[in-house]
Amino acid sequence: MPSEHYDIDALERYLTHRMDGNERAAFENRLQQDEGYRQELAAYQSVLGGFQALRSESFQQRIADWEQQWAQANTEDTELIEWYLRGELTGDARRQVEKRIGEDESFAREVAAYRQVQEGFEAARTEAFREKLTEWEKNTPQSAGLRVAAHRPLWPRVAAAAAILLLLAFSVNWYLQA
């Protein structure tokens, strides 16, 4: 069944436990019979879960902690790691960074994280990755419920309303004079 026929309000009421017993039973019966409806419910469930996580205090606290960690981040280490990963360090400087990686576990984790991010950016630039994205886009079902509204000018409707008002005014005037 195309998603344009799914009742989003019913999905939300079901997921937020705001259905009465009969409506819930009918809804669950429909879920058992319709695979597309189950998929639509799963999609809305993940969206609602994301919104609930954003609202949760623990998530907000984690964001605040991340902001604090980011503010306290050692920018000298960040630049050093970037130079190291780009191969811009030579000789003694490179050996010192490699020694620090071996001795300082947190620095080693930070270098590994930067390396992973850098590899991800490099992978995103490859043609194979672009082809994979194109393939994913083709395989992703487009929502039939979303339609782009045609841009219709407002003036014909305004003109029709004005004509009706003029006709009404003339009719009332003629009636009052008769």
N, C-alpha and C. Protein backbone atom coordinates (compact mmCIF):
# COMPACT_ATOMS: atom_id res chain seq x y z
N MET A 1 0.85 -1.18 0.00
CA MET A 1 0.00 0.00 0.00
C MET A 1 0.90 1.24 0.00
N PRO A 2 0.66 2.19 -0.90
CA PRO A 2 1.49 3.39 -0.93
C PRO A 2 1.40 4.16 0.38
N SER A 3 2.51 4.80 0.73
CA SER A 3 2.56 5.49 2.02
C SER A 3 1.62 6.68 2.10
N GLU A 4 1.11 7.16 0.96
CA GLU A 4 0.19 8.30 1.02
C GLU A 4 -1.13 7.91 1.68
N HIS A 5 -1.40 6.60 1.80
CA HIS A 5 -2.64 6.14 2.41
C HIS A 5 -2.48 5.83 3.89
N TYR A 6 -1.28 5.94 4.43
CA TYR A 6 -1.06 5.66 5.84
C TYR A 6 -1.48 6.86 6.66
N ASP A 7 -2.08 6.57 7.79
CA ASP A 7 -2.56 7.62 8.69
C ASP A 7 -1.44 7.94 9.68
N ILE A 8 -0.76 9.03 9.45
CA ILE A 8 0.37 9.41 10.28
C ILE A 8 -0.08 9.68 11.72
N ASP A 9 -1.25 10.26 11.87
CA ASP A 9 -1.76 10.52 13.23
C ASP A 9 -1.96 9.22 13.99
N ALA A 10 -2.46 8.20 13.30
CA ALA A 10 -2.66 6.90 13.96
C ALA A 10 -1.31 6.30 14.35
N LEU A 11 -0.32 6.41 13.47
CA LEU A 11 1.01 5.90 13.79
C LEU A 11 1.56 6.59 15.04
N GLU A 12 1.40 7.90 15.09
CA GLU A 12 1.91 8.64 16.24
C GLU A 12 1.15 8.30 17.52
N ARG A 13 -0.18 8.18 17.42
CA ARG A 13 -0.96 7.83 18.62
C ARG A 13 -0.57 6.44 19.12
N TYR A 14 -0.31 5.51 18.20
CA TYR A 14 0.08 4.16 18.59
C TYR A 14 1.44 4.19 19.30
N LEU A 15 2.38 4.91 18.71
CA LEU A 15 3.73 4.94 19.28
C LEU A 15 3.81 5.69 20.59
N THR A 16 2.90 6.63 20.81
CA THR A 16 2.90 7.40 22.06
C THR A 16 1.86 6.87 23.04
N HIS A 17 1.30 5.70 22.74
CA HIS A 17 0.35 5.01 23.63
C HIS A 17 -0.87 5.87 23.95
N ARG A 18 -1.43 6.51 22.93
CA ARG A 18 -2.61 7.34 23.14
C ARG A 18 -3.83 6.76 22.42
N MET A 19 -3.84 5.45 22.17
CA MET A 19 -5.00 4.79 21.55
C MET A 19 -5.79 4.05 22.61
N ASP A 20 -7.13 4.04 22.44
CA ASP A 20 -7.93 3.24 23.35
C ASP A 20 -7.83 1.77 22.92
N GLY A 21 -8.39 0.88 23.70
CA GLY A 21 -8.25 -0.55 23.47
C GLY A 21 -8.72 -1.03 22.11
N ASN A 22 -9.91 -0.62 21.68
CA ASN A 22 -10.45 -1.08 20.40
C ASN A 22 -9.63 -0.56 19.23
N GLU A 23 -9.29 0.71 19.28
CA GLU A 23 -8.50 1.30 18.20
C GLU A 23 -7.13 0.64 18.13
N ARG A 24 -6.54 0.37 19.30
CA ARG A 24 -5.22 -0.27 19.34
C ARG A 24 -5.29 -1.68 18.76
N ALA A 25 -6.35 -2.42 19.09
CA ALA A 25 -6.50 -3.78 18.56
C ALA A 25 -6.66 -3.76 17.05
N ALA A 26 -7.47 -2.83 16.53
CA ALA A 26 -7.65 -2.71 15.09
C ALA A 26 -6.34 -2.32 14.41
N PHE A 27 -5.61 -1.43 15.04
CA PHE A 27 -4.33 -0.99 14.49
C PHE A 27 -3.34 -2.15 14.43
N GLU A 28 -3.25 -2.92 15.52
CA GLU A 28 -2.32 -4.05 15.56
C GLU A 28 -2.72 -5.13 14.57
N ASN A 29 -4.02 -5.31 14.35
CA ASN A 29 -4.50 -6.25 13.34
C ASN A 29 -4.02 -5.82 11.96
N ARG A 30 -4.14 -4.52 11.68
CA ARG A 30 -3.69 -4.01 10.39
C ARG A 30 -2.17 -4.17 10.24
N LEU A 31 -1.45 -3.98 11.34
CA LEU A 31 0.01 -4.17 11.30
C LEU A 31 0.38 -5.59 10.92
N GLN A 32 -0.37 -6.57 11.45
CA GLN A 32 -0.09 -7.97 11.15
C GLN A 32 -0.34 -8.29 9.69
N GLN A 33 -1.29 -7.61 9.08
CA GLN A 33 -1.68 -7.92 7.71
C GLN A 33 -0.90 -7.14 6.66
N ASP A 34 -0.32 -6.01 7.01
CA ASP A 34 0.27 -5.12 6.01
C ASP A 34 1.75 -4.87 6.30
N GLU A 35 2.62 -5.48 5.50
CA GLU A 35 4.07 -5.33 5.66
C GLU A 35 4.50 -3.88 5.47
N GLY A 36 3.92 -3.21 4.50
CA GLY A 36 4.25 -1.81 4.25
C GLY A 36 3.92 -0.94 5.45
N TYR A 37 2.82 -1.25 6.10
CA TYR A 37 2.41 -0.48 7.28
C TYR A 37 3.40 -0.70 8.42
N ARG A 38 3.89 -1.95 8.55
CA ARG A 38 4.90 -2.24 9.58
C ARG A 38 6.18 -1.46 9.30
N GLN A 39 6.57 -1.39 8.02
CA GLN A 39 7.77 -0.64 7.66
C GLN A 39 7.59 0.84 7.95
N GLU A 40 6.42 1.36 7.62
CA GLU A 40 6.13 2.77 7.88
C GLU A 40 6.17 3.05 9.38
N LEU A 41 5.61 2.13 10.17
CA LEU A 41 5.62 2.28 11.63
C LEU A 41 7.06 2.28 12.15
N ALA A 42 7.89 1.38 11.63
CA ALA A 42 9.29 1.31 12.07
C ALA A 42 10.02 2.61 11.75
N ALA A 43 9.74 3.18 10.59
CA ALA A 43 10.39 4.44 10.21
C ALA A 43 9.96 5.56 11.16
N TYR A 44 8.67 5.66 11.44
CA TYR A 44 8.19 6.70 12.35
C TYR A 44 8.68 6.45 13.77
N GLN A 45 8.84 5.18 14.14
CA GLN A 45 9.32 4.85 15.48
C GLN A 45 10.75 5.36 15.66
N SER A 46 11.58 5.19 14.63
CA SER A 46 12.96 5.68 14.75
C SER A 46 13.00 7.21 14.80
N VAL A 47 12.13 7.86 14.04
CA VAL A 47 12.08 9.33 14.07
C VAL A 47 11.64 9.81 15.45
N LEU A 48 10.57 9.22 15.98
CA LEU A 48 10.10 9.62 17.31
C LEU A 48 11.14 9.33 18.38
N GLY A 49 11.83 8.20 18.25
CA GLY A 49 12.89 7.88 19.20
C GLY A 49 13.99 8.92 19.17
N GLY A 50 14.32 9.38 17.98
CA GLY A 50 15.33 10.44 17.86
C GLY A 50 14.89 11.72 18.53
N PHE A 51 13.62 12.09 18.32
CA PHE A 51 13.11 13.30 18.96
C PHE A 51 13.09 13.16 20.48
N GLN A 52 12.71 11.98 20.95
CA GLN A 52 12.68 11.77 22.40
C GLN A 52 14.09 11.82 22.98
N ALA A 53 15.06 11.29 22.24
CA ALA A 53 16.45 11.35 22.71
C ALA A 53 16.94 12.78 22.78
N LEU A 54 16.55 13.57 21.79
CA LEU A 54 16.97 14.98 21.80
C LEU A 54 16.39 15.73 22.99
N ARG A 55 15.19 15.33 23.38
CA ARG A 55 14.54 16.02 24.50
C ARG A 55 15.05 15.52 25.85
N SER A 56 15.64 14.35 25.87
CA SER A 56 16.03 13.78 27.16
C SER A 56 17.15 14.60 27.80
N GLU A 57 17.11 14.65 29.10
CA GLU A 57 18.11 15.42 29.83
C GLU A 57 19.50 14.83 29.69
N SER A 58 19.58 13.50 29.65
CA SER A 58 20.91 12.89 29.55
C SER A 58 21.56 13.25 28.22
N PHE A 59 20.77 13.30 27.16
CA PHE A 59 21.33 13.66 25.87
C PHE A 59 21.78 15.12 25.88
N GLN A 60 20.96 15.97 26.48
CA GLN A 60 21.33 17.39 26.57
C GLN A 60 22.59 17.56 27.41
N GLN A 61 22.72 16.75 28.45
CA GLN A 61 23.92 16.81 29.27
C GLN A 61 25.14 16.34 28.47
N ARG A 62 24.96 15.28 27.67
CA ARG A 62 26.07 14.81 26.84
C ARG A 62 26.52 15.88 25.86
N ILE A 63 25.55 16.58 25.27
CA ILE A 63 25.90 17.65 24.33
C ILE A 63 26.68 18.74 25.06
N ALA A 64 26.23 19.09 26.26
CA ALA A 64 26.94 20.11 27.04
C ALA A 64 28.36 19.64 27.37
N ASP A 65 28.51 18.35 27.70
CA ASP A 65 29.84 17.81 27.98
C ASP A 65 30.73 17.86 26.75
N TRP A 66 30.15 17.51 25.58
CA TRP A 66 30.92 17.55 24.34
C TRP A 66 31.38 18.97 24.04
N GLU A 67 30.50 19.93 24.25
CA GLU A 67 30.87 21.33 24.01
C GLU A 67 32.02 21.74 24.93
N GLN A 68 31.93 21.30 26.17
CA GLN A 68 32.99 21.63 27.13
C GLN A 68 34.30 20.96 26.72
N GLN A 69 34.24 19.69 26.32
CA GLN A 69 35.45 18.99 25.88
C GLN A 69 36.04 19.66 24.64
N TRP A 70 35.17 20.07 23.74
CA TRP A 70 35.64 20.71 22.52
C TRP A 70 36.35 22.03 22.86
N ALA A 71 35.78 22.77 23.80
CA ALA A 71 36.38 24.04 24.20
C ALA A 71 37.74 23.82 24.86
N GLN A 72 37.89 22.69 25.55
CA GLN A 72 39.14 22.41 26.26
C GLN A 72 40.14 21.65 25.40
N ALA A 73 39.75 21.29 24.19
CA ALA A 73 40.63 20.49 23.34
C ALA A 73 41.95 21.22 23.10
N ASN A 74 43.00 20.44 23.07
CA ASN A 74 44.32 21.00 22.86
C ASN A 74 44.51 21.24 21.36
N THR A 75 44.45 22.49 20.95
CA THR A 75 44.56 22.80 19.53
C THR A 75 45.95 22.52 18.99
N GLU A 76 46.96 22.59 19.85
CA GLU A 76 48.31 22.26 19.40
C GLU A 76 48.39 20.79 19.01
N ASP A 77 47.78 19.91 19.83
CA ASP A 77 47.75 18.50 19.49
C ASP A 77 46.97 18.27 18.20
N THR A 78 45.89 18.98 18.02
CA THR A 78 45.07 18.83 16.82
C THR A 78 45.89 19.15 15.58
N GLU A 79 46.59 20.26 15.60
CA GLU A 79 47.42 20.64 14.45
C GLU A 79 48.54 19.63 14.25
N LEU A 80 49.15 19.18 15.33
CA LEU A 80 50.24 18.21 15.24
C LEU A 80 49.75 16.91 14.61
N ILE A 81 48.57 16.46 15.03
CA ILE A 81 48.00 15.23 14.48
C ILE A 81 47.71 15.42 12.99
N GLU A 82 47.13 16.55 12.62
CA GLU A 82 46.84 16.80 11.21
C GLU A 82 48.11 16.80 10.37
N TRP A 83 49.16 17.46 10.85
CA TRP A 83 50.43 17.47 10.11
C TRP A 83 51.00 16.06 9.99
N TYR A 84 50.90 15.30 11.09
CA TYR A 84 51.42 13.93 11.09
C TYR A 84 50.68 13.08 10.06
N LEU A 85 49.36 13.15 10.06
CA LEU A 85 48.58 12.32 9.15
C LEU A 85 48.73 12.75 7.69
N ARG A 86 49.00 14.02 7.45
CA ARG A 86 49.21 14.50 6.08
C ARG A 86 50.64 14.24 5.60
N GLY A 87 51.49 13.76 6.50
CA GLY A 87 52.87 13.48 6.12
C GLY A 87 53.74 14.73 6.05
N GLU A 88 53.32 15.78 6.73
CA GLU A 88 54.06 17.04 6.69
C GLU A 88 55.19 17.08 7.72
N LEU A 89 55.22 16.11 8.63
CA LEU A 89 56.30 16.05 9.63
C LEU A 89 57.41 15.14 9.10
N THR A 90 58.63 15.56 9.29
CA THR A 90 59.75 14.74 8.83
C THR A 90 60.74 14.57 9.96
N GLY A 91 61.56 13.57 9.81
CA GLY A 91 62.68 13.35 10.72
C GLY A 91 62.31 13.25 12.18
N ASP A 92 62.95 14.10 12.99
CA ASP A 92 62.83 14.06 14.44
C ASP A 92 61.40 14.33 14.90
N ALA A 93 60.71 15.28 14.27
CA ALA A 93 59.34 15.61 14.68
C ALA A 93 58.43 14.40 14.49
N ARG A 94 58.58 13.71 13.37
CA ARG A 94 57.75 12.52 13.10
C ARG A 94 58.04 11.43 14.13
N ARG A 95 59.31 11.21 14.43
CA ARG A 95 59.69 10.19 15.42
C ARG A 95 59.13 10.53 16.80
N GLN A 96 59.14 11.80 17.18
CA GLN A 96 58.60 12.20 18.48
C GLN A 96 57.09 11.95 18.56
N VAL A 97 56.39 12.23 17.47
CA VAL A 97 54.94 11.97 17.46
C VAL A 97 54.68 10.47 17.57
N GLU A 98 55.44 9.66 16.82
CA GLU A 98 55.25 8.21 16.88
C GLU A 98 55.59 7.66 18.26
N LYS A 99 56.60 8.24 18.90
CA LYS A 99 56.96 7.83 20.26
C LYS A 99 55.81 8.17 21.22
N ARG A 100 55.25 9.37 21.06
CA ARG A 100 54.14 9.79 21.93
C ARG A 100 52.92 8.90 21.71
N ILE A 101 52.68 8.49 20.47
CA ILE A 101 51.56 7.59 20.19
C ILE A 101 51.75 6.29 20.96
N GLY A 102 52.98 5.79 20.99
CA GLY A 102 53.27 4.56 21.71
C GLY A 102 53.16 4.69 23.22
N GLU A 103 53.44 5.86 23.75
CA GLU A 103 53.46 6.05 25.20
C GLU A 103 52.16 6.60 25.78
N ASP A 104 51.47 7.44 25.03
CA ASP A 104 50.28 8.14 25.53
C ASP A 104 49.03 7.54 24.88
N GLU A 105 48.30 6.75 25.66
CA GLU A 105 47.13 6.04 25.13
C GLU A 105 46.04 6.99 24.63
N SER A 106 45.77 8.06 25.36
CA SER A 106 44.72 8.99 24.94
C SER A 106 45.13 9.71 23.65
N PHE A 107 46.41 10.05 23.52
CA PHE A 107 46.88 10.67 22.28
C PHE A 107 46.77 9.68 21.12
N ALA A 108 47.09 8.41 21.38
CA ALA A 108 46.98 7.38 20.34
C ALA A 108 45.53 7.23 19.88
N ARG A 109 44.58 7.27 20.83
CA ARG A 109 43.16 7.19 20.46
C ARG A 109 42.75 8.40 19.63
N GLU A 110 43.26 9.56 20.01
CA GLU A 110 42.93 10.78 19.26
C GLU A 110 43.48 10.71 17.84
N VAL A 111 44.70 10.22 17.69
CA VAL A 111 45.29 10.07 16.36
C VAL A 111 44.48 9.07 15.54
N ALA A 112 44.07 7.97 16.17
CA ALA A 112 43.27 6.96 15.47
C ALA A 112 41.93 7.55 15.02
N ALA A 113 41.32 8.35 15.88
CA ALA A 113 40.04 8.96 15.51
C ALA A 113 40.22 9.93 14.35
N TYR A 114 41.27 10.74 14.39
CA TYR A 114 41.52 11.67 13.27
C TYR A 114 41.82 10.90 11.99
N ARG A 115 42.56 9.80 12.12
CA ARG A 115 42.88 8.99 10.94
C ARG A 115 41.60 8.43 10.32
N GLN A 116 40.70 7.96 11.18
CA GLN A 116 39.44 7.42 10.69
C GLN A 116 38.61 8.49 9.97
N VAL A 117 38.56 9.67 10.54
CA VAL A 117 37.83 10.78 9.90
C VAL A 117 38.46 11.13 8.56
N GLN A 118 39.79 11.20 8.54
CA GLN A 118 40.50 11.54 7.31
C GLN A 118 40.25 10.48 6.24
N GLU A 119 40.29 9.20 6.62
CA GLU A 119 40.02 8.14 5.65
C GLU A 119 38.59 8.20 5.15
N GLY A 120 37.66 8.58 6.03
CA GLY A 120 36.27 8.73 5.61
C GLY A 120 36.11 9.84 4.58
N PHE A 121 36.80 10.95 4.80
CA PHE A 121 36.75 12.04 3.83
C PHE A 121 37.36 11.62 2.50
N GLU A 122 38.47 10.89 2.57
CA GLU A 122 39.11 10.42 1.34
C GLU A 122 38.21 9.44 0.60
N ALA A 123 37.54 8.56 1.35
CA ALA A 123 36.63 7.60 0.72
C ALA A 123 35.45 8.31 0.08
N ALA A 124 35.00 9.38 0.70
CA ALA A 124 33.86 10.12 0.15
C ALA A 124 34.21 10.80 -1.17
N ARG A 125 35.49 11.01 -1.41
CA ARG A 125 35.91 11.66 -2.65
C ARG A 125 36.06 10.66 -3.80
N THR A 126 36.04 9.38 -3.54
CA THR A 126 36.28 8.40 -4.59
C THR A 126 35.04 8.21 -5.47
N GLU A 127 35.29 7.78 -6.68
CA GLU A 127 34.20 7.54 -7.64
C GLU A 127 33.34 6.36 -7.19
N ALA A 128 33.97 5.34 -6.59
CA ALA A 128 33.21 4.18 -6.12
C ALA A 128 32.19 4.59 -5.06
N PHE A 129 32.56 5.50 -4.19
CA PHE A 129 31.64 5.97 -3.16
C PHE A 129 30.49 6.73 -3.79
N ARG A 130 30.80 7.56 -4.77
CA ARG A 130 29.73 8.31 -5.46
C ARG A 130 28.76 7.35 -6.14
N GLU A 131 29.31 6.31 -6.76
CA GLU A 131 28.44 5.32 -7.41
C GLU A 131 27.57 4.60 -6.38
N LYS A 132 28.14 4.30 -5.22
CA LYS A 132 27.38 3.64 -4.16
C LYS A 132 26.26 4.55 -3.66
N LEU A 133 26.54 5.85 -3.51
CA LEU A 133 25.50 6.79 -3.11
C LEU A 133 24.39 6.85 -4.14
N THR A 134 24.76 6.86 -5.41
CA THR A 134 23.76 6.89 -6.48
C THR A 134 22.91 5.63 -6.43
N GLU A 135 23.55 4.49 -6.17
CA GLU A 135 22.82 3.22 -6.07
C GLU A 135 21.86 3.25 -4.88
N TRP A 136 22.30 3.76 -3.74
CA TRP A 136 21.44 3.86 -2.56
C TRP A 136 20.25 4.76 -2.86
N GLU A 137 20.52 5.85 -3.56
CA GLU A 137 19.45 6.80 -3.87
C GLU A 137 18.40 6.15 -4.78
N LYS A 138 18.86 5.33 -5.73
CA LYS A 138 17.92 4.65 -6.63
C LYS A 138 17.10 3.61 -5.87
N ASN A 139 17.71 2.96 -4.89
CA ASN A 139 17.02 1.91 -4.14
C ASN A 139 16.14 2.45 -3.03
N THR A 140 16.27 3.72 -2.70
CA THR A 140 15.45 4.31 -1.64
C THR A 140 14.10 4.66 -2.22
N PRO A 141 13.02 4.10 -1.64
CA PRO A 141 11.69 4.44 -2.18
C PRO A 141 11.37 5.90 -1.91
N GLN A 142 10.88 6.54 -2.94
CA GLN A 142 10.48 7.94 -2.81
C GLN A 142 9.10 7.99 -2.18
N SER A 143 8.89 8.93 -1.33
CA SER A 143 7.60 9.07 -0.65
C SER A 143 6.56 9.57 -1.63
N ALA A 144 5.53 8.75 -1.85
CA ALA A 144 4.47 9.13 -2.78
C ALA A 144 3.55 10.18 -2.17
N GLY A 145 3.60 10.33 -0.87
CA GLY A 145 2.71 11.27 -0.19
C GLY A 145 3.16 12.72 -0.32
N LEU A 146 4.42 12.93 -0.69
CA LEU A 146 4.91 14.29 -0.80
C LEU A 146 4.77 14.76 -2.23
N ARG A 147 4.07 15.84 -2.40
CA ARG A 147 3.89 16.41 -3.73
C ARG A 147 4.27 17.88 -3.68
N VAL A 148 4.85 18.33 -4.76
CA VAL A 148 5.19 19.74 -4.86
C VAL A 148 3.97 20.46 -5.40
N ALA A 149 3.52 21.43 -4.68
CA ALA A 149 2.34 22.17 -5.11
C ALA A 149 2.72 23.09 -6.26
N ALA A 150 1.84 23.13 -7.25
CA ALA A 150 2.07 24.02 -8.38
C ALA A 150 1.91 25.46 -7.92
N HIS A 151 2.74 26.31 -8.44
CA HIS A 151 2.65 27.73 -8.09
C HIS A 151 1.57 28.37 -8.94
N ARG A 152 0.46 28.68 -8.32
CA ARG A 152 -0.64 29.31 -9.02
C ARG A 152 -0.73 30.75 -8.56
N PRO A 153 -0.85 31.65 -9.50
CA PRO A 153 -0.93 33.06 -9.10
C PRO A 153 -2.21 33.33 -8.32
N LEU A 154 -2.14 34.26 -7.42
CA LEU A 154 -3.26 34.59 -6.55
C LEU A 154 -4.26 35.53 -7.22
N TRP A 155 -3.82 36.31 -8.20
CA TRP A 155 -4.67 37.35 -8.76
C TRP A 155 -5.97 36.84 -9.37
N PRO A 156 -6.06 35.65 -10.02
CA PRO A 156 -7.36 35.24 -10.56
C PRO A 156 -8.39 35.02 -9.44
N ARG A 157 -7.95 34.48 -8.31
CA ARG A 157 -8.89 34.27 -7.21
C ARG A 157 -9.33 35.59 -6.59
N VAL A 158 -8.41 36.52 -6.49
CA VAL A 158 -8.75 37.84 -5.95
C VAL A 158 -9.72 38.54 -6.90
N ALA A 159 -9.47 38.43 -8.20
CA ALA A 159 -10.35 39.07 -9.19
C ALA A 159 -11.75 38.46 -9.13
N ALA A 160 -11.84 37.13 -8.98
CA ALA A 160 -13.15 36.48 -8.90
C ALA A 160 -13.88 36.93 -7.63
N ALA A 161 -13.18 37.02 -6.52
CA ALA A 161 -13.81 37.47 -5.28
C ALA A 161 -14.29 38.91 -5.41
N ALA A 162 -13.49 39.76 -6.05
CA ALA A 162 -13.89 41.15 -6.24
C ALA A 162 -15.12 41.25 -7.14
N ALA A 163 -15.17 40.42 -8.18
CA ALA A 163 -16.32 40.44 -9.09
C ALA A 163 -17.59 40.01 -8.35
N ILE A 164 -17.47 39.01 -7.50
CA ILE A 164 -18.63 38.55 -6.73
C ILE A 164 -19.10 39.64 -5.78
N LEU A 165 -18.16 40.32 -5.12
CA LEU A 165 -18.53 41.41 -4.21
C LEU A 165 -19.20 42.56 -4.96
N LEU A 166 -18.69 42.91 -6.14
CA LEU A 166 -19.32 43.97 -6.94
C LEU A 166 -20.73 43.57 -7.35
N LEU A 167 -20.89 42.34 -7.80
CA LEU A 167 -22.21 41.85 -8.20
C LEU A 167 -23.17 41.89 -7.02
N LEU A 168 -22.70 41.49 -5.86
CA LEU A 168 -23.52 41.51 -4.66
C LEU A 168 -23.89 42.95 -4.28
N ALA A 169 -22.94 43.87 -4.37
CA ALA A 169 -23.20 45.28 -4.03
C ALA A 169 -24.23 45.88 -4.98
N PHE A 170 -24.09 45.62 -6.29
CA PHE A 170 -25.06 46.13 -7.26
C PHE A 170 -26.44 45.53 -7.03
N SER A 171 -26.47 44.24 -6.67
CA SER A 171 -27.77 43.59 -6.43
C SER A 171 -28.46 44.20 -5.22
N VAL A 172 -27.72 44.41 -4.14
CA VAL A 172 -28.29 45.00 -2.94
C VAL A 172 -28.76 46.43 -3.23
N ASN A 173 -27.96 47.19 -3.95
CA ASN A 173 -28.33 48.57 -4.31
C ASN A 173 -29.60 48.58 -5.17
N TRP A 174 -29.68 47.72 -6.15
CA TRP A 174 -30.85 47.65 -7.03
C TRP A 174 -32.09 47.26 -6.23
N TYR A 175 -31.93 46.28 -5.30
CA TYR A 175 -33.05 45.82 -4.48
C TYR A 175 -33.56 46.95 -3.58
N LEU A 176 -32.63 47.71 -2.99
CA LEU A 176 -33.03 48.79 -2.09
C LEU A 176 -33.71 49.94 -2.85
N GLN A 177 -33.37 50.17 -4.09
CA GLN A 177 -33.98 51.24 -4.87
C GLN A 177 -35.34 50.83 -5.43
N ALA A 178 -35.58 49.53 -5.55
CA ALA A 178 -36.83 49.07 -6.15
C ALA A 178 -37.99 49.05 -5.21
